Amino acid sequence: MNTEFMKELRLHTLRGDIQSSGMDGLSKKGIRDLLFNRYVHGTEIPITAKEFNTVLDEEYKKVEAWRVRK
């Protein structure tokens, strides 16, 4: 299977996991503690720490906006 496709799928899954964890009440640090090793070190298709942090920043802003509207 295409490695680039698999990486995009991992990033998409990460986005969903961040949103789900944030909606369950975890802080940004809590989400990072929960997911960082799983996505950066724990798979055949790892993502970089920089990619992880970028996605976390983007998705956590959405979580914060959702919390305000809730």
PDB file of N, CA and C in Angstrom:
ATOM      1  N   MET A   1       0.840  -1.174   0.000  1.00  0.00           N
ATOM      2  CA  MET A   1       0.000   0.000   0.000  1.00  0.00           C
ATOM      3  C   MET A   1       0.889   1.243   0.000  1.00  0.00           C
ATOM      4  N   ASN A   2       0.395   2.310  -0.564  1.00  0.00           N
ATOM      5  CA  ASN A   2       1.132   3.549  -0.714  1.00  0.00           C
ATOM      6  C   ASN A   2       1.443   4.168   0.659  1.00  0.00           C
ATOM      7  N   THR A   3       2.716   4.409   0.924  1.00  0.00           N
ATOM      8  CA  THR A   3       3.159   4.950   2.214  1.00  0.00           C
ATOM      9  C   THR A   3       2.596   6.347   2.450  1.00  0.00           C
ATOM     10  N   GLU A   4       2.554   7.173   1.408  1.00  0.00           N
ATOM     11  CA  GLU A   4       2.021   8.535   1.556  1.00  0.00           C
ATOM     12  C   GLU A   4       0.537   8.496   1.931  1.00  0.00           C
ATOM     13  N   PHE A   5      -0.206   7.598   1.296  1.00  0.00           N
ATOM     14  CA  PHE A   5      -1.622   7.430   1.633  1.00  0.00           C
ATOM     15  C   PHE A   5      -1.782   6.987   3.084  1.00  0.00           C
ATOM     16  N   MET A   6      -0.949   6.053   3.510  1.00  0.00           N
ATOM     17  CA  MET A   6      -1.027   5.554   4.886  1.00  0.00           C
ATOM     18  C   MET A   6      -0.705   6.668   5.894  1.00  0.00           C
ATOM     19  N   LYS A   7       0.248   7.516   5.548  1.00  0.00           N
ATOM     20  CA  LYS A   7       0.589   8.616   6.447  1.00  0.00           C
ATOM     21  C   LYS A   7      -0.582   9.603   6.543  1.00  0.00           C
ATOM     22  N   GLU A   8      -1.210   9.908   5.422  1.00  0.00           N
ATOM     23  CA  GLU A   8      -2.373  10.798   5.437  1.00  0.00           C
ATOM     24  C   GLU A   8      -3.505  10.200   6.268  1.00  0.00           C
ATOM     25  N   LEU A   9      -3.680   8.901   6.170  1.00  0.00           N
ATOM     26  CA  LEU A   9      -4.694   8.218   6.963  1.00  0.00           C
ATOM     27  C   LEU A   9      -4.369   8.324   8.454  1.00  0.00           C
ATOM     28  N   ARG A  10      -3.099   8.171   8.821  1.00  0.00           N
ATOM     29  CA  ARG A  10      -2.676   8.314  10.219  1.00  0.00           C
ATOM     30  C   ARG A  10      -2.960   9.724  10.729  1.00  0.00           C
ATOM     31  N   LEU A  11      -2.655  10.731   9.907  1.00  0.00           N
ATOM     32  CA  LEU A  11      -2.902  12.115  10.309  1.00  0.00           C
ATOM     33  C   LEU A  11      -4.403  12.368  10.484  1.00  0.00           C
ATOM     34  N   HIS A  12      -5.198  11.813   9.606  1.00  0.00           N
ATOM     35  CA  HIS A  12      -6.654  11.944   9.708  1.00  0.00           C
ATOM     36  C   HIS A  12      -7.159  11.287  11.003  1.00  0.00           C
ATOM     37  N   THR A  13      -6.644  10.113  11.295  1.00  0.00           N
ATOM     38  CA  THR A  13      -7.028   9.403  12.521  1.00  0.00           C
ATOM     39  C   THR A  13      -6.597  10.190  13.753  1.00  0.00           C
ATOM     40  N   LEU A  14      -5.405  10.766  13.706  1.00  0.00           N
ATOM     41  CA  LEU A  14      -4.922  11.597  14.810  1.00  0.00           C
ATOM     42  C   LEU A  14      -5.875  12.763  15.053  1.00  0.00           C
ATOM     43  N   ARG A  15      -6.305  13.412  13.991  1.00  0.00           N
ATOM     44  CA  ARG A  15      -7.234  14.536  14.131  1.00  0.00           C
ATOM     45  C   ARG A  15      -8.502  14.098  14.871  1.00  0.00           C
ATOM     46  N   GLY A  16      -9.034  12.965  14.485  1.00  0.00           N
ATOM     47  CA  GLY A  16     -10.231  12.456  15.140  1.00  0.00           C
ATOM     48  C   GLY A  16      -9.990  12.113  16.593  1.00  0.00           C
ATOM     49  N   ASP A  17      -8.850  11.510  16.890  1.00  0.00           N
ATOM     50  CA  ASP A  17      -8.529  11.160  18.274  1.00  0.00           C
ATOM     51  C   ASP A  17      -8.362  12.413  19.146  1.00  0.00           C
ATOM     52  N   ILE A  18      -7.778  13.456  18.585  1.00  0.00           N
ATOM     53  CA  ILE A  18      -7.612  14.709  19.328  1.00  0.00           C
ATOM     54  C   ILE A  18      -8.982  15.316  19.621  1.00  0.00           C
ATOM     55  N   GLN A  19      -9.835  15.378  18.613  1.00  0.00           N
ATOM     56  CA  GLN A  19     -11.163  15.952  18.811  1.00  0.00           C
ATOM     57  C   GLN A  19     -11.961  15.151  19.832  1.00  0.00           C
ATOM     58  N   SER A  20     -11.923  13.852  19.712  1.00  0.00           N
ATOM     59  CA  SER A  20     -12.664  12.991  20.631  1.00  0.00           C
ATOM     60  C   SER A  20     -12.167  13.156  22.066  1.00  0.00           C
ATOM     61  N   SER A  21     -10.860  13.167  22.238  1.00  0.00           N
ATOM     62  CA  SER A  21     -10.277  13.317  23.580  1.00  0.00           C
ATOM     63  C   SER A  21     -10.603  14.683  24.166  1.00  0.00           C
ATOM     64  N   GLY A  22     -10.539  15.710  23.335  1.00  0.00           N
ATOM     65  CA  GLY A  22     -10.856  17.057  23.798  1.00  0.00           C
ATOM     66  C   GLY A  22     -12.312  17.195  24.187  1.00  0.00           C
ATOM     67  N   MET A  23     -13.195  16.572  23.439  1.00  0.00           N
ATOM     68  CA  MET A  23     -14.621  16.632  23.758  1.00  0.00           C
ATOM     69  C   MET A  23     -14.948  15.815  25.000  1.00  0.00           C
ATOM     70  N   ASP A  24     -14.070  14.879  25.329  1.00  0.00           N
ATOM     71  CA  ASP A  24     -14.225  14.112  26.569  1.00  0.00           C
ATOM     72  C   ASP A  24     -13.663  14.870  27.772  1.00  0.00           C
ATOM     73  N   GLY A  25     -13.080  16.064  27.528  1.00  0.00           N
ATOM     74  CA  GLY A  25     -12.636  16.914  28.618  1.00  0.00           C
ATOM     75  C   GLY A  25     -11.147  16.970  28.865  1.00  0.00           C
ATOM     76  N   LEU A  26     -10.348  16.256  28.074  1.00  0.00           N
ATOM     77  CA  LEU A  26      -8.898  16.297  28.305  1.00  0.00           C
ATOM     78  C   LEU A  26      -8.324  17.654  27.911  1.00  0.00           C
ATOM     79  N   SER A  27      -7.319  18.080  28.648  1.00  0.00           N
ATOM     80  CA  SER A  27      -6.595  19.305  28.312  1.00  0.00           C
ATOM     81  C   SER A  27      -5.663  19.014  27.128  1.00  0.00           C
ATOM     82  N   LYS A  28      -5.102  20.074  26.581  1.00  0.00           N
ATOM     83  CA  LYS A  28      -4.148  19.914  25.481  1.00  0.00           C
ATOM     84  C   LYS A  28      -2.961  19.058  25.926  1.00  0.00           C
ATOM     85  N   LYS A  29      -2.467  19.318  27.126  1.00  0.00           N
ATOM     86  CA  LYS A  29      -1.351  18.518  27.651  1.00  0.00           C
ATOM     87  C   LYS A  29      -1.780  17.066  27.854  1.00  0.00           C
ATOM     88  N   GLY A  30      -2.978  16.862  28.352  1.00  0.00           N
ATOM     89  CA  GLY A  30      -3.486  15.505  28.554  1.00  0.00           C
ATOM     90  C   GLY A  30      -3.585  14.747  27.245  1.00  0.00           C
ATOM     91  N   ILE A  31      -4.047  15.432  26.211  1.00  0.00           N
ATOM     92  CA  ILE A  31      -4.143  14.800  24.892  1.00  0.00           C
ATOM     93  C   ILE A  31      -2.752  14.448  24.383  1.00  0.00           C
ATOM     94  N   ARG A  32      -1.819  15.382  24.535  1.00  0.00           N
ATOM     95  CA  ARG A  32      -0.442  15.121  24.086  1.00  0.00           C
ATOM     96  C   ARG A  32       0.136  13.919  24.830  1.00  0.00           C
ATOM     97  N   ASP A  33      -0.050  13.888  26.139  1.00  0.00           N
ATOM     98  CA  ASP A  33       0.467  12.774  26.945  1.00  0.00           C
ATOM     99  C   ASP A  33      -0.142  11.440  26.502  1.00  0.00           C
ATOM    100  N   LEU A  34      -1.408  11.466  26.155  1.00  0.00           N
ATOM    101  CA  LEU A  34      -2.114  10.252  25.755  1.00  0.00           C
ATOM    102  C   LEU A  34      -1.710   9.760  24.371  1.00  0.00           C
ATOM    103  N   LEU A  35      -1.547  10.675  23.428  1.00  0.00           N
ATOM    104  CA  LEU A  35      -1.420  10.274  22.024  1.00  0.00           C
ATOM    105  C   LEU A  35      -0.020  10.365  21.416  1.00  0.00           C
ATOM    106  N   PHE A  36       0.868  11.158  21.990  1.00  0.00           N
ATOM    107  CA  PHE A  36       2.158  11.415  21.350  1.00  0.00           C
ATOM    108  C   PHE A  36       2.933  10.132  21.032  1.00  0.00           C
ATOM    109  N   ASN A  37       3.158   9.311  22.020  1.00  0.00           N
ATOM    110  CA  ASN A  37       3.955   8.099  21.784  1.00  0.00           C
ATOM    111  C   ASN A  37       3.283   7.163  20.797  1.00  0.00           C
ATOM    112  N   ARG A  38       1.969   7.072  20.865  1.00  0.00           N
ATOM    113  CA  ARG A  38       1.234   6.188  19.960  1.00  0.00           C
ATOM    114  C   ARG A  38       1.432   6.589  18.497  1.00  0.00           C
ATOM    115  N   TYR A  39       1.431   7.884  18.236  1.00  0.00           N
ATOM    116  CA  TYR A  39       1.507   8.342  16.850  1.00  0.00           C
ATOM    117  C   TYR A  39       2.933   8.610  16.368  1.00  0.00           C
ATOM    118  N   VAL A  40       3.803   9.050  17.257  1.00  0.00           N
ATOM    119  CA  VAL A  40       5.158   9.399  16.827  1.00  0.00           C
ATOM    120  C   VAL A  40       6.105   8.209  16.908  1.00  0.00           C
ATOM    121  N   HIS A  41       5.912   7.329  17.873  1.00  0.00           N
ATOM    122  CA  HIS A  41       6.842   6.216  18.059  1.00  0.00           C
ATOM    123  C   HIS A  41       6.214   4.842  17.900  1.00  0.00           C
ATOM    124  N   GLY A  42       4.899   4.743  17.904  1.00  0.00           N
ATOM    125  CA  GLY A  42       4.282   3.449  18.071  1.00  0.00           C
ATOM    126  C   GLY A  42       3.727   2.749  16.846  1.00  0.00           C
ATOM    127  N   THR A  43       4.074   3.177  15.649  1.00  0.00           N
ATOM    128  CA  THR A  43       3.475   2.538  14.473  1.00  0.00           C
ATOM    129  C   THR A  43       4.499   2.293  13.376  1.00  0.00           C
ATOM    130  N   GLU A  44       4.054   1.526  12.402  1.00  0.00           N
ATOM    131  CA  GLU A  44       4.903   1.297  11.221  1.00  0.00           C
ATOM    132  C   GLU A  44       4.972   2.559  10.373  1.00  0.00           C
ATOM    133  N   ILE A  45       3.947   3.398  10.462  1.00  0.00           N
ATOM    134  CA  ILE A  45       3.894   4.645   9.703  1.00  0.00           C
ATOM    135  C   ILE A  45       3.891   5.799  10.714  1.00  0.00           C
ATOM    136  N   PRO A  46       5.045   6.103  11.305  1.00  0.00           N
ATOM    137  CA  PRO A  46       5.079   7.174  12.299  1.00  0.00           C
ATOM    138  C   PRO A  46       4.947   8.543  11.645  1.00  0.00           C
ATOM    139  N   ILE A  47       4.496   9.492  12.420  1.00  0.00           N
ATOM    140  CA  ILE A  47       4.520  10.881  11.982  1.00  0.00           C
ATOM    141  C   ILE A  47       5.574  11.587  12.824  1.00  0.00           C
ATOM    142  N   THR A  48       6.046  12.707  12.344  1.00  0.00           N
ATOM    143  CA  THR A  48       7.093  13.416  13.079  1.00  0.00           C
ATOM    144  C   THR A  48       6.493  14.172  14.262  1.00  0.00           C
ATOM    145  N   ALA A  49       7.332  14.511  15.219  1.00  0.00           N
ATOM    146  CA  ALA A  49       6.887  15.302  16.361  1.00  0.00           C
ATOM    147  C   ALA A  49       6.354  16.649  15.887  1.00  0.00           C
ATOM    148  N   LYS A  50       6.980  17.216  14.879  1.00  0.00           N
ATOM    149  CA  LYS A  50       6.522  18.504  14.340  1.00  0.00           C
ATOM    150  C   LYS A  50       5.123  18.362  13.735  1.00  0.00           C
ATOM    151  N   GLU A  51       4.893  17.295  12.963  1.00  0.00           N
ATOM    152  CA  GLU A  51       3.563  17.063  12.394  1.00  0.00           C
ATOM    153  C   GLU A  51       2.531  16.871  13.505  1.00  0.00           C
ATOM    154  N   PHE A  52       2.896  16.100  14.521  1.00  0.00           N
ATOM    155  CA  PHE A  52       1.994  15.865  15.637  1.00  0.00           C
ATOM    156  C   PHE A  52       1.607  17.188  16.299  1.00  0.00           C
ATOM    157  N   ASN A  53       2.603  18.005  16.604  1.00  0.00           N
ATOM    158  CA  ASN A  53       2.342  19.272  17.288  1.00  0.00           C
ATOM    159  C   ASN A  53       1.508  20.227  16.445  1.00  0.00           C
ATOM    160  N   THR A  54       1.741  20.247  15.142  1.00  0.00           N
ATOM    161  CA  THR A  54       0.961  21.093  14.240  1.00  0.00           C
ATOM    162  C   THR A  54      -0.503  20.666  14.244  1.00  0.00           C
ATOM    163  N   VAL A  55      -0.742  19.363  14.103  1.00  0.00           N
ATOM    164  CA  VAL A  55      -2.111  18.852  14.098  1.00  0.00           C
ATOM    165  C   VAL A  55      -2.770  19.090  15.452  1.00  0.00           C
ATOM    166  N   LEU A  56      -2.039  18.878  16.536  1.00  0.00           N
ATOM    167  CA  LEU A  56      -2.593  19.113  17.867  1.00  0.00           C
ATOM    168  C   LEU A  56      -3.012  20.573  18.026  1.00  0.00           C
ATOM    169  N   ASP A  57      -2.175  21.499  17.602  1.00  0.00           N
ATOM    170  CA  ASP A  57      -2.523  22.926  17.687  1.00  0.00           C
ATOM    171  C   ASP A  57      -3.785  23.234  16.887  1.00  0.00           C
ATOM    172  N   GLU A  58      -3.850  22.735  15.659  1.00  0.00           N
ATOM    173  CA  GLU A  58      -5.003  22.995  14.787  1.00  0.00           C
ATOM    174  C   GLU A  58      -6.286  22.419  15.374  1.00  0.00           C
ATOM    175  N   GLU A  59      -6.230  21.185  15.797  1.00  0.00           N
ATOM    176  CA  GLU A  59      -7.444  20.514  16.268  1.00  0.00           C
ATOM    177  C   GLU A  59      -7.862  20.974  17.649  1.00  0.00           C
ATOM    178  N   TYR A  60      -6.912  21.344  18.492  1.00  0.00           N
ATOM    179  CA  TYR A  60      -7.288  21.797  19.828  1.00  0.00           C
ATOM    180  C   TYR A  60      -8.001  23.139  19.767  1.00  0.00           C
ATOM    181  N   LYS A  61      -7.658  23.973  18.782  1.00  0.00           N
ATOM    182  CA  LYS A  61      -8.398  25.224  18.585  1.00  0.00           C
ATOM    183  C   LYS A  61      -9.866  24.912  18.290  1.00  0.00           C
ATOM    184  N   LYS A  62     -10.124  23.890  17.519  1.00  0.00           N
ATOM    185  CA  LYS A  62     -11.499  23.483  17.208  1.00  0.00           C
ATOM    186  C   LYS A  62     -12.205  22.979  18.461  1.00  0.00           C
ATOM    187  N   VAL A  63     -11.482  22.231  19.285  1.00  0.00           N
ATOM    188  CA  VAL A  63     -12.049  21.731  20.540  1.00  0.00           C
ATOM    189  C   VAL A  63     -12.421  22.900  21.438  1.00  0.00           C
ATOM    190  N   GLU A  64     -11.532  23.882  21.558  1.00  0.00           N
ATOM    191  CA  GLU A  64     -11.820  25.037  22.396  1.00  0.00           C
ATOM    192  C   GLU A  64     -13.049  25.790  21.883  1.00  0.00           C
ATOM    193  N   ALA A  65     -13.169  25.940  20.574  1.00  0.00           N
ATOM    194  CA  ALA A  65     -14.339  26.611  19.996  1.00  0.00           C
ATOM    195  C   ALA A  65     -15.601  25.809  20.285  1.00  0.00           C
ATOM    196  N   TRP A  66     -15.525  24.501  20.186  1.00  0.00           N
ATOM    197  CA  TRP A  66     -16.674  23.647  20.486  1.00  0.00           C
ATOM    198  C   TRP A  66     -17.088  23.811  21.944  1.00  0.00           C
ATOM    199  N   ARG A  67     -16.112  23.871  22.842  1.00  0.00           N
ATOM    200  CA  ARG A  67     -16.414  24.024  24.271  1.00  0.00           C
ATOM    201  C   ARG A  67     -17.117  25.341  24.551  1.00  0.00           C
ATOM    202  N   VAL A  68     -16.728  26.400  23.862  1.00  0.00           N
ATOM    203  CA  VAL A  68     -17.351  27.708  24.050  1.00  0.00           C
ATOM    204  C   VAL A  68     -18.816  27.655  23.583  1.00  0.00           C
ATOM    205  N   ARG A  69     -19.076  26.993  22.477  1.00  0.00           N
ATOM    206  CA  ARG A  69     -20.439  26.897  21.930  1.00  0.00           C
ATOM    207  C   ARG A  69     -21.318  25.963  22.748  1.00  0.00           C
ATOM    208  N   LYS A  70     -20.709  25.026  23.413  1.00  0.00           N
ATOM    209  CA  LYS A  70     -21.461  23.997  24.147  1.00  0.00           C
ATOM    210  C   LYS A  70     -22.248  24.529  25.272  1.00  0.00           C
TER     211      LYS A  70
END
